[in-house]
Amino acid sequence: MAEDGLRVVAVTGDPVRLSFLAALLRDAGIGCVVLDAHIAAVEGNIGAFPRRLAVAARDAGAARAVLREAGELPRDAPA
C-alpha cells in the first residue's frame, strides 16, 4: 500500500463504539473514514461484517496513540 494510503486503526461490529472512536479521532483533529458500513447495512447489522475505522497513513501513529490513551487499544498494540 502506498505511504499516502489509508491505515485501519480499529475494527468493530459495535456501531456505538465505532461512533465513539471516530469522535475521539475527530476531536484530536484526525480525519477518519468508516469502511464496510454499506455491507454491514446490507447484511442487516447482525455483526457478520465488522466495520473498519481508517485514517490517512501519515496519521496512523497519532490515531493509535489517541485510542490507546482513551483505553480503546491495548497498551502493547503496534504503534
Foldseek 3Di string as FASTA:
>chain_A
DDLQAKDWQDWALDPVVVVVLCVLCVVVVFHKDKPPPVVCVVVPSPSPGIITIIGTNVCNVVSNVSCVVVVNDPPPPDD
